[in-house]
């Protein structure tokens, strides 16, 4: 359960992942600890994002999901801005 894979480094690791939402100044807003094997995007789907309207949520490429972006924008006015792959449209 705690064996995860880091695609960018092409290797496995044993441990937990920390998913964190912080303010622009670096203050933690939300923090979630999950087993290393759990997919980053599935964790974001489960997070209770209590953010103000029109917030921008910057994320790395592991959090790319057009469906989640649309849902957050329509339901909660939160803009998920995940890093796009070079071949993404």
PDB file of N, CA and C in Angstrom:
ATOM      1  N   UNK A   1       0.819  -1.198   0.000  1.00  0.00           N
ATOM      2  CA  UNK A   1       0.000   0.000   0.000  1.00  0.00           C
ATOM      3  C   UNK A   1       0.864   1.264   0.000  1.00  0.00           C
ATOM      4  N   UNK A   2       2.024   1.196   0.635  1.00  0.00           N
ATOM      5  CA  UNK A   2       2.869   2.379   0.741  1.00  0.00           C
ATOM      6  C   UNK A   2       3.978   2.422  -0.310  1.00  0.00           C
ATOM      7  N   UNK A   3       3.950   1.486  -1.269  1.00  0.00           N
ATOM      8  CA  UNK A   3       4.920   1.491  -2.361  1.00  0.00           C
ATOM      9  C   UNK A   3       4.337   2.315  -3.507  1.00  0.00           C
ATOM     10  N   UNK A   4       4.985   3.413  -3.827  1.00  0.00           N
ATOM     11  CA  UNK A   4       4.530   4.283  -4.904  1.00  0.00           C
ATOM     12  C   UNK A   4       5.557   4.329  -6.020  1.00  0.00           C
ATOM     13  N   UNK A   5       5.218   4.998  -7.106  1.00  0.00           N
ATOM     14  CA  UNK A   5       6.113   5.115  -8.253  1.00  0.00           C
ATOM     15  C   UNK A   5       6.224   6.582  -8.648  1.00  0.00           C
ATOM     16  N   UNK A   6       7.447   7.045  -8.837  1.00  0.00           N
ATOM     17  CA  UNK A   6       7.708   8.411  -9.291  1.00  0.00           C
ATOM     18  C   UNK A   6       8.096   8.327 -10.759  1.00  0.00           C
ATOM     19  N   UNK A   7       7.172   8.680 -11.642  1.00  0.00           N
ATOM     20  CA  UNK A   7       7.405   8.538 -13.080  1.00  0.00           C
ATOM     21  C   UNK A   7       8.559   9.413 -13.558  1.00  0.00           C
ATOM     22  N   UNK A   8       8.689  10.613 -13.025  1.00  0.00           N
ATOM     23  CA  UNK A   8       9.737  11.521 -13.482  1.00  0.00           C
ATOM     24  C   UNK A   8      11.135  10.989 -13.162  1.00  0.00           C
ATOM     25  N   UNK A   9      11.244  10.223 -12.082  1.00  0.00           N
ATOM     26  CA  UNK A   9      12.538   9.638 -11.695  1.00  0.00           C
ATOM     27  C   UNK A   9      12.651   8.177 -12.118  1.00  0.00           C
ATOM     28  N   UNK A  10      11.546   7.611 -12.612  1.00  0.00           N
ATOM     29  CA  UNK A  10      11.478   6.215 -13.049  1.00  0.00           C
ATOM     30  C   UNK A  10      11.941   5.254 -11.959  1.00  0.00           C
ATOM     31  N   UNK A  11      11.399   5.461 -10.749  1.00  0.00           N
ATOM     32  CA  UNK A  11      11.735   4.555  -9.660  1.00  0.00           C
ATOM     33  C   UNK A  11      10.615   4.509  -8.626  1.00  0.00           C
ATOM     34  N   UNK A  12      10.642   3.474  -7.831  1.00  0.00           N
ATOM     35  CA  UNK A  12       9.644   3.271  -6.783  1.00  0.00           C
ATOM     36  C   UNK A  12      10.135   3.883  -5.475  1.00  0.00           C
ATOM     37  N   UNK A  13       9.204   4.124  -4.560  1.00  0.00           N
ATOM     38  CA  UNK A  13       9.560   4.602  -3.226  1.00  0.00           C
ATOM     39  C   UNK A  13       8.585   3.986  -2.222  1.00  0.00           C
ATOM     40  N   UNK A  14       8.982   3.978  -0.988  1.00  0.00           N
ATOM     41  CA  UNK A  14       8.128   3.463   0.080  1.00  0.00           C
ATOM     42  C   UNK A  14       7.838   4.606   1.044  1.00  0.00           C
ATOM     43  N   UNK A  15       6.572   4.871   1.291  1.00  0.00           N
ATOM     44  CA  UNK A  15       6.235   5.944   2.211  1.00  0.00           C
ATOM     45  C   UNK A  15       4.873   6.545   1.941  1.00  0.00           C
ATOM     46  N   UNK A  16       4.737   7.794   2.344  1.00  0.00           N
ATOM     47  CA  UNK A  16       3.479   8.515   2.185  1.00  0.00           C
ATOM     48  C   UNK A  16       3.706   9.732   1.290  1.00  0.00           C
ATOM     49  N   UNK A  17       2.609  10.255   0.768  1.00  0.00           N
ATOM     50  CA  UNK A  17       2.632  11.506   0.018  1.00  0.00           C
ATOM     51  C   UNK A  17       1.873  12.541   0.839  1.00  0.00           C
ATOM     52  N   UNK A  18       2.348  13.751   0.783  1.00  0.00           N
ATOM     53  CA  UNK A  18       1.676  14.862   1.454  1.00  0.00           C
ATOM     54  C   UNK A  18       1.112  15.776   0.372  1.00  0.00           C
ATOM     55  N   UNK A  19      -0.186  15.976   0.403  1.00  0.00           N
ATOM     56  CA  UNK A  19      -0.862  16.869  -0.540  1.00  0.00           C
ATOM     57  C   UNK A  19      -1.251  18.111   0.245  1.00  0.00           C
ATOM     58  N   UNK A  20      -0.793  19.259  -0.222  1.00  0.00           N
ATOM     59  CA  UNK A  20      -0.969  20.481   0.564  1.00  0.00           C
ATOM     60  C   UNK A  20      -1.485  21.624  -0.295  1.00  0.00           C
ATOM     61  N   UNK A  21      -2.434  22.365   0.237  1.00  0.00           N
ATOM     62  CA  UNK A  21      -2.908  23.605  -0.369  1.00  0.00           C
ATOM     63  C   UNK A  21      -2.409  24.721   0.535  1.00  0.00           C
ATOM     64  N   UNK A  22      -1.708  25.689  -0.057  1.00  0.00           N
ATOM     65  CA  UNK A  22      -1.162  26.801   0.721  1.00  0.00           C
ATOM     66  C   UNK A  22      -1.600  28.124   0.116  1.00  0.00           C
ATOM     67  N   UNK A  23      -1.530  29.167   0.908  1.00  0.00           N
ATOM     68  CA  UNK A  23      -1.828  30.507   0.418  1.00  0.00           C
ATOM     69  C   UNK A  23      -0.638  31.015  -0.388  1.00  0.00           C
ATOM     70  N   UNK A  24      -0.810  32.146  -1.006  1.00  0.00           N
ATOM     71  CA  UNK A  24       0.265  32.757  -1.780  1.00  0.00           C
ATOM     72  C   UNK A  24       1.501  33.007  -0.918  1.00  0.00           C
ATOM     73  N   UNK A  25       1.298  33.295   0.350  1.00  0.00           N
ATOM     74  CA  UNK A  25       2.426  33.554   1.250  1.00  0.00           C
ATOM     75  C   UNK A  25       2.991  32.280   1.879  1.00  0.00           C
ATOM     76  N   UNK A  26       2.437  31.122   1.528  1.00  0.00           N
ATOM     77  CA  UNK A  26       2.980  29.850   2.001  1.00  0.00           C
ATOM     78  C   UNK A  26       2.343  29.279   3.254  1.00  0.00           C
ATOM     79  N   UNK A  27       1.244  29.856   3.706  1.00  0.00           N
ATOM     80  CA  UNK A  27       0.568  29.340   4.895  1.00  0.00           C
ATOM     81  C   UNK A  27      -0.340  28.173   4.515  1.00  0.00           C
ATOM     82  N   UNK A  28      -0.245  27.038   5.231  1.00  0.00           N
ATOM     83  CA  UNK A  28      -1.076  25.870   4.909  1.00  0.00           C
ATOM     84  C   UNK A  28      -2.562  26.148   5.115  1.00  0.00           C
ATOM     85  N   UNK A  29      -3.378  25.686   4.158  1.00  0.00           N
ATOM     86  CA  UNK A  29      -4.825  25.802   4.238  1.00  0.00           C
ATOM     87  C   UNK A  29      -5.430  24.420   4.444  1.00  0.00           C
ATOM     88  N   UNK A  30      -4.890  23.445   3.718  1.00  0.00           N
ATOM     89  CA  UNK A  30      -5.379  22.079   3.814  1.00  0.00           C
ATOM     90  C   UNK A  30      -4.209  21.126   3.611  1.00  0.00           C
ATOM     91  N   UNK A  31      -4.224  20.017   4.364  1.00  0.00           N
ATOM     92  CA  UNK A  31      -3.125  19.071   4.355  1.00  0.00           C
ATOM     93  C   UNK A  31      -3.696  17.662   4.406  1.00  0.00           C
ATOM     94  N   UNK A  32      -3.230  16.787   3.496  1.00  0.00           N
ATOM     95  CA  UNK A  32      -3.723  15.413   3.452  1.00  0.00           C
ATOM     96  C   UNK A  32      -2.534  14.470   3.322  1.00  0.00           C
ATOM     97  N   UNK A  33      -2.461  13.444   4.169  1.00  0.00           N
ATOM     98  CA  UNK A  33      -1.449  12.402   4.089  1.00  0.00           C
ATOM     99  C   UNK A  33      -2.097  11.162   3.490  1.00  0.00           C
ATOM    100  N   UNK A  34      -1.493  10.608   2.436  1.00  0.00           N
ATOM    101  CA  UNK A  34      -2.032   9.412   1.784  1.00  0.00           C
ATOM    102  C   UNK A  34      -0.901   8.426   1.494  1.00  0.00           C
ATOM    103  N   UNK A  35      -1.222   7.140   1.389  1.00  0.00           N
ATOM    104  CA  UNK A  35      -0.193   6.145   1.048  1.00  0.00           C
ATOM    105  C   UNK A  35       0.446   6.469  -0.305  1.00  0.00           C
ATOM    106  N   UNK A  36       1.707   6.090  -0.461  1.00  0.00           N
ATOM    107  CA  UNK A  36       2.440   6.387  -1.682  1.00  0.00           C
ATOM    108  C   UNK A  36       1.828   5.806  -2.934  1.00  0.00           C
ATOM    109  N   UNK A  37       1.074   4.716  -2.806  1.00  0.00           N
ATOM    110  CA  UNK A  37       0.502   4.073  -3.990  1.00  0.00           C
ATOM    111  C   UNK A  37      -0.737   4.795  -4.529  1.00  0.00           C
ATOM    112  N   UNK A  38      -1.314   5.702  -3.759  1.00  0.00           N
ATOM    113  CA  UNK A  38      -2.547   6.367  -4.196  1.00  0.00           C
ATOM    114  C   UNK A  38      -2.246   7.462  -5.216  1.00  0.00           C
ATOM    115  N   UNK A  39      -3.032   7.484  -6.269  1.00  0.00           N
ATOM    116  CA  UNK A  39      -2.874   8.445  -7.355  1.00  0.00           C
ATOM    117  C   UNK A  39      -3.141   9.867  -6.860  1.00  0.00           C
ATOM    118  N   UNK A  40      -2.286  10.812  -7.267  1.00  0.00           N
ATOM    119  CA  UNK A  40      -2.414  12.213  -6.833  1.00  0.00           C
ATOM    120  C   UNK A  40      -3.762  12.809  -7.199  1.00  0.00           C
ATOM    121  N   UNK A  41      -4.211  12.546  -8.399  1.00  0.00           N
ATOM    122  CA  UNK A  41      -5.467  13.130  -8.863  1.00  0.00           C
ATOM    123  C   UNK A  41      -6.657  12.617  -8.060  1.00  0.00           C
ATOM    124  N   UNK A  42      -6.655  11.340  -7.690  1.00  0.00           N
ATOM    125  CA  UNK A  42      -7.768  10.805  -6.898  1.00  0.00           C
ATOM    126  C   UNK A  42      -7.832  11.467  -5.525  1.00  0.00           C
ATOM    127  N   UNK A  43      -6.691  11.855  -4.998  1.00  0.00           N
ATOM    128  CA  UNK A  43      -6.666  12.559  -3.706  1.00  0.00           C
ATOM    129  C   UNK A  43      -7.298  13.940  -3.859  1.00  0.00           C
ATOM    130  N   UNK A  44      -6.958  14.638  -4.930  1.00  0.00           N
ATOM    131  CA  UNK A  44      -7.527  15.973  -5.159  1.00  0.00           C
ATOM    132  C   UNK A  44      -9.043  15.906  -5.316  1.00  0.00           C
ATOM    133  N   UNK A  45      -9.552  14.864  -5.993  1.00  0.00           N
ATOM    134  CA  UNK A  45     -11.007  14.699  -6.141  1.00  0.00           C
ATOM    135  C   UNK A  45     -11.678  14.595  -4.777  1.00  0.00           C
ATOM    136  N   UNK A  46     -10.999  13.992  -3.796  1.00  0.00           N
ATOM    137  CA  UNK A  46     -11.594  13.755  -2.471  1.00  0.00           C
ATOM    138  C   UNK A  46     -11.414  14.923  -1.505  1.00  0.00           C
ATOM    139  N   UNK A  47     -10.520  15.855  -1.822  1.00  0.00           N
ATOM    140  CA  UNK A  47     -10.234  16.949  -0.891  1.00  0.00           C
ATOM    141  C   UNK A  47     -11.428  17.895  -0.773  1.00  0.00           C
ATOM    142  N   UNK A  48     -11.660  18.354   0.449  1.00  0.00           N
ATOM    143  CA  UNK A  48     -12.712  19.335   0.699  1.00  0.00           C
ATOM    144  C   UNK A  48     -12.081  20.720   0.583  1.00  0.00           C
ATOM    145  N   UNK A  49     -12.123  21.278  -0.607  1.00  0.00           N
ATOM    146  CA  UNK A  49     -11.472  22.557  -0.870  1.00  0.00           C
ATOM    147  C   UNK A  49     -12.362  23.705  -0.406  1.00  0.00           C
ATOM    148  N   UNK A  50     -12.098  24.189   0.776  1.00  0.00           N
ATOM    149  CA  UNK A  50     -12.853  25.321   1.335  1.00  0.00           C
ATOM    150  C   UNK A  50     -12.107  26.601   1.006  1.00  0.00           C
ATOM    151  N   UNK A  51     -12.179  26.983  -0.243  1.00  0.00           N
ATOM    152  CA  UNK A  51     -11.469  28.171  -0.713  1.00  0.00           C
ATOM    153  C   UNK A  51     -12.466  29.254  -1.093  1.00  0.00           C
ATOM    154  N   UNK A  52     -12.051  30.514  -0.999  1.00  0.00           N
ATOM    155  CA  UNK A  52     -12.947  31.609  -1.405  1.00  0.00           C
ATOM    156  C   UNK A  52     -13.272  31.532  -2.892  1.00  0.00           C
ATOM    157  N   UNK A  53     -14.388  32.119  -3.266  1.00  0.00           N
ATOM    158  CA  UNK A  53     -14.786  32.178  -4.669  1.00  0.00           C
ATOM    159  C   UNK A  53     -13.690  32.837  -5.497  1.00  0.00           C
ATOM    160  N   UNK A  54     -13.565  32.394  -6.742  1.00  0.00           N
ATOM    161  CA  UNK A  54     -12.582  32.903  -7.695  1.00  0.00           C
ATOM    162  C   UNK A  54     -11.131  32.672  -7.277  1.00  0.00           C
ATOM    163  N   UNK A  55     -10.899  31.664  -6.424  1.00  0.00           N
ATOM    164  CA  UNK A  55      -9.531  31.303  -6.047  1.00  0.00           C
ATOM    165  C   UNK A  55      -8.852  30.606  -7.218  1.00  0.00           C
ATOM    166  N   UNK A  56      -7.542  30.739  -7.272  1.00  0.00           N
ATOM    167  CA  UNK A  56      -6.744  30.033  -8.269  1.00  0.00           C
ATOM    168  C   UNK A  56      -5.931  28.974  -7.536  1.00  0.00           C
ATOM    169  N   UNK A  57      -6.027  27.742  -8.012  1.00  0.00           N
ATOM    170  CA  UNK A  57      -5.335  26.614  -7.410  1.00  0.00           C
ATOM    171  C   UNK A  57      -4.289  26.129  -8.406  1.00  0.00           C
ATOM    172  N   UNK A  58      -3.019  26.465  -8.162  1.00  0.00           N
ATOM    173  CA  UNK A  58      -1.933  26.061  -9.047  1.00  0.00           C
ATOM    174  C   UNK A  58      -1.473  24.670  -8.647  1.00  0.00           C
ATOM    175  N   UNK A  59      -1.209  23.808  -9.640  1.00  0.00           N
ATOM    176  CA  UNK A  59      -0.814  22.431  -9.363  1.00  0.00           C
ATOM    177  C   UNK A  59       0.163  21.936 -10.415  1.00  0.00           C
ATOM    178  N   UNK A  60       0.898  20.887 -10.069  1.00  0.00           N
ATOM    179  CA  UNK A  60       1.812  20.316 -11.063  1.00  0.00           C
ATOM    180  C   UNK A  60       1.051  19.387 -12.007  1.00  0.00           C
ATOM    181  N   UNK A  61       1.762  18.783 -12.934  1.00  0.00           N
ATOM    182  CA  UNK A  61       1.143  17.989 -13.984  1.00  0.00           C
ATOM    183  C   UNK A  61       0.398  16.758 -13.502  1.00  0.00           C
ATOM    184  N   UNK A  62       0.670  16.291 -12.294  1.00  0.00           N
ATOM    185  CA  UNK A  62      -0.023  15.104 -11.771  1.00  0.00           C
ATOM    186  C   UNK A  62      -1.502  15.377 -11.511  1.00  0.00           C
ATOM    187  N   UNK A  63      -1.890  16.624 -11.455  1.00  0.00           N
ATOM    188  CA  UNK A  63      -3.267  16.992 -11.131  1.00  0.00           C
ATOM    189  C   UNK A  63      -4.065  17.432 -12.364  1.00  0.00           C
ATOM    190  N   UNK A  64      -3.631  17.053 -13.544  1.00  0.00           N
ATOM    191  CA  UNK A  64      -4.340  17.407 -14.775  1.00  0.00           C
ATOM    192  C   UNK A  64      -5.648  16.637 -14.889  1.00  0.00           C
ATOM    193  N   UNK A  65      -6.749  17.337 -14.953  1.00  0.00           N
ATOM    194  CA  UNK A  65      -8.055  16.724 -15.174  1.00  0.00           C
ATOM    195  C   UNK A  65      -9.008  17.802 -15.674  1.00  0.00           C
ATOM    196  N   UNK A  66      -9.390  17.694 -16.934  1.00  0.00           N
ATOM    197  CA  UNK A  66     -10.336  18.665 -17.483  1.00  0.00           C
ATOM    198  C   UNK A  66     -11.688  18.567 -16.770  1.00  0.00           C
ATOM    199  N   UNK A  67     -12.091  17.339 -16.417  1.00  0.00           N
ATOM    200  CA  UNK A  67     -13.372  17.153 -15.721  1.00  0.00           C
ATOM    201  C   UNK A  67     -13.369  17.852 -14.370  1.00  0.00           C
ATOM    202  N   UNK A  68     -12.298  17.677 -13.606  1.00  0.00           N
ATOM    203  CA  UNK A  68     -12.219  18.318 -12.296  1.00  0.00           C
ATOM    204  C   UNK A  68     -12.125  19.833 -12.432  1.00  0.00           C
ATOM    205  N   UNK A  69     -11.371  20.307 -13.416  1.00  0.00           N
ATOM    206  CA  UNK A  69     -11.288  21.756 -13.651  1.00  0.00           C
ATOM    207  C   UNK A  69     -12.673  22.340 -13.901  1.00  0.00           C
ATOM    208  N   UNK A  70     -13.434  21.687 -14.777  1.00  0.00           N
ATOM    209  CA  UNK A  70     -14.782  22.171 -15.093  1.00  0.00           C
ATOM    210  C   UNK A  70     -15.685  22.144 -13.873  1.00  0.00           C
ATOM    211  N   UNK A  71     -15.626  21.056 -13.111  1.00  0.00           N
ATOM    212  CA  UNK A  71     -16.470  20.919 -11.922  1.00  0.00           C
ATOM    213  C   UNK A  71     -16.162  21.997 -10.884  1.00  0.00           C
ATOM    214  N   UNK A  72     -14.887  22.210 -10.600  1.00  0.00           N
ATOM    215  CA  UNK A  72     -14.513  23.234  -9.614  1.00  0.00           C
ATOM    216  C   UNK A  72     -14.913  24.634 -10.082  1.00  0.00           C
ATOM    217  N   UNK A  73     -14.730  24.906 -11.363  1.00  0.00           N
ATOM    218  CA  UNK A  73     -15.059  26.237 -11.889  1.00  0.00           C
ATOM    219  C   UNK A  73     -16.561  26.489 -11.849  1.00  0.00           C
ATOM    220  N   UNK A  74     -17.359  25.487 -12.243  1.00  0.00           N
ATOM    221  CA  UNK A  74     -18.815  25.665 -12.299  1.00  0.00           C
ATOM    222  C   UNK A  74     -19.459  25.660 -10.918  1.00  0.00           C
ATOM    223  N   UNK A  75     -19.072  24.718 -10.073  1.00  0.00           N
ATOM    224  CA  UNK A  75     -19.734  24.558  -8.773  1.00  0.00           C
ATOM    225  C   UNK A  75     -19.213  25.490  -7.691  1.00  0.00           C
ATOM    226  N   UNK A  76     -17.895  25.752  -7.709  1.00  0.00           N
ATOM    227  CA  UNK A  76     -17.310  26.485  -6.587  1.00  0.00           C
ATOM    228  C   UNK A  76     -16.534  27.724  -6.996  1.00  0.00           C
ATOM    229  N   UNK A  77     -16.494  28.038  -8.276  1.00  0.00           N
ATOM    230  CA  UNK A  77     -15.732  29.184  -8.792  1.00  0.00           C
ATOM    231  C   UNK A  77     -14.269  29.137  -8.364  1.00  0.00           C
ATOM    232  N   UNK A  78     -13.684  27.927  -8.412  1.00  0.00           N
ATOM    233  CA  UNK A  78     -12.266  27.739  -8.135  1.00  0.00           C
ATOM    234  C   UNK A  78     -11.602  27.360  -9.454  1.00  0.00           C
ATOM    235  N   UNK A  79     -10.513  28.022  -9.777  1.00  0.00           N
ATOM    236  CA  UNK A  79      -9.828  27.795 -11.037  1.00  0.00           C
ATOM    237  C   UNK A  79      -8.601  26.919 -10.805  1.00  0.00           C
ATOM    238  N   UNK A  80      -8.675  25.657 -11.240  1.00  0.00           N
ATOM    239  CA  UNK A  80      -7.554  24.729 -11.147  1.00  0.00           C
ATOM    240  C   UNK A  80      -6.639  24.974 -12.334  1.00  0.00           C
ATOM    241  N   UNK A  81      -5.412  25.370 -12.064  1.00  0.00           N
ATOM    242  CA  UNK A  81      -4.439  25.676 -13.108  1.00  0.00           C
ATOM    243  C   UNK A  81      -3.277  24.696 -12.975  1.00  0.00           C
ATOM    244  N   UNK A  82      -3.469  23.506 -13.541  1.00  0.00           N
ATOM    245  CA  UNK A  82      -2.443  22.467 -13.481  1.00  0.00           C
ATOM    246  C   UNK A  82      -1.508  22.601 -14.668  1.00  0.00           C
ATOM    247  N   UNK A  83      -0.251  22.253 -14.461  1.00  0.00           N
ATOM    248  CA  UNK A  83       0.730  22.311 -15.535  1.00  0.00           C
ATOM    249  C   UNK A  83       0.334  21.331 -16.629  1.00  0.00           C
ATOM    250  N   UNK A  84       0.325  21.796 -17.850  1.00  0.00           N
ATOM    251  CA  UNK A  84      -0.082  20.986 -18.989  1.00  0.00           C
ATOM    252  C   UNK A  84       1.114  20.251 -19.596  1.00  0.00           C
ATOM    253  N   UNK A  85       0.818  19.096 -20.159  1.00  0.00           N
ATOM    254  CA  UNK A  85       1.833  18.375 -20.926  1.00  0.00           C
ATOM    255  C   UNK A  85       2.100  19.135 -22.215  1.00  0.00           C
ATOM    256  N   UNK A  86       3.256  18.925 -22.802  1.00  0.00           N
ATOM    257  CA  UNK A  86       3.618  19.658 -24.025  1.00  0.00           C
ATOM    258  C   UNK A  86       2.691  19.325 -25.188  1.00  0.00           C
ATOM    259  N   UNK A  87       2.094  18.130 -25.206  1.00  0.00           N
ATOM    260  CA  UNK A  87       1.224  17.734 -26.313  1.00  0.00           C
ATOM    261  C   UNK A  87      -0.264  17.883 -25.995  1.00  0.00           C
ATOM    262  N   UNK A  88      -0.579  18.573 -24.906  1.00  0.00           N
ATOM    263  CA  UNK A  88      -1.967  18.770 -24.492  1.00  0.00           C
ATOM    264  C   UNK A  88      -2.629  19.848 -25.331  1.00  0.00           C
ATOM    265  N   UNK A  89      -3.935  19.675 -25.562  1.00  0.00           N
ATOM    266  CA  UNK A  89      -4.684  20.683 -26.325  1.00  0.00           C
ATOM    267  C   UNK A  89      -5.716  21.353 -25.447  1.00  0.00           C
TER     268      UNK A  89
END
